[in-house]
Amino acid sequence: MNATEIVVGVLILVSAFLSMAAGIGIVRFPDVLTRLHAATKPQVVGLAAVLLAILLQVPTWGVLTTIVWSGVVSFIAYKVADLTVGLRVSEEEEREGLDITSHGETAYHN
């Protein structure tokens, strides 16, 4: 067993752990938004770990091209989403509170 195989094994285990953590988060978190967060964030990092493991195990131009293409398309989709709907609220809206600025509600009634 050489160092590359050990790194590939560790990356696969990291990916499996993140998938398990996402599944547990979906079951355990109380509301929809935190469940969505649990379902997406670990899965994206786990996928990146698997892609890196594949690239290390099978270092061909086809694999590298696929990974680069996926990154470029993801970046373009990110930018399109940012320009159309925006990914963050303004700093002023965040400071005032998203319940008031986005929904016209207050979270806690005094």
Foldseek 3Di string as FASTA:
>chain_A
DDPLVVLLVVLQVQLVVLCVQLVVQLVPDDDDVSNVVSNPPSNVSSVVSNLVSCCSVDVDPVSVVVVVVVVVVVVVVVVVCCVPPRDDDDPVCVVVPCCCPPPNDDDDDD
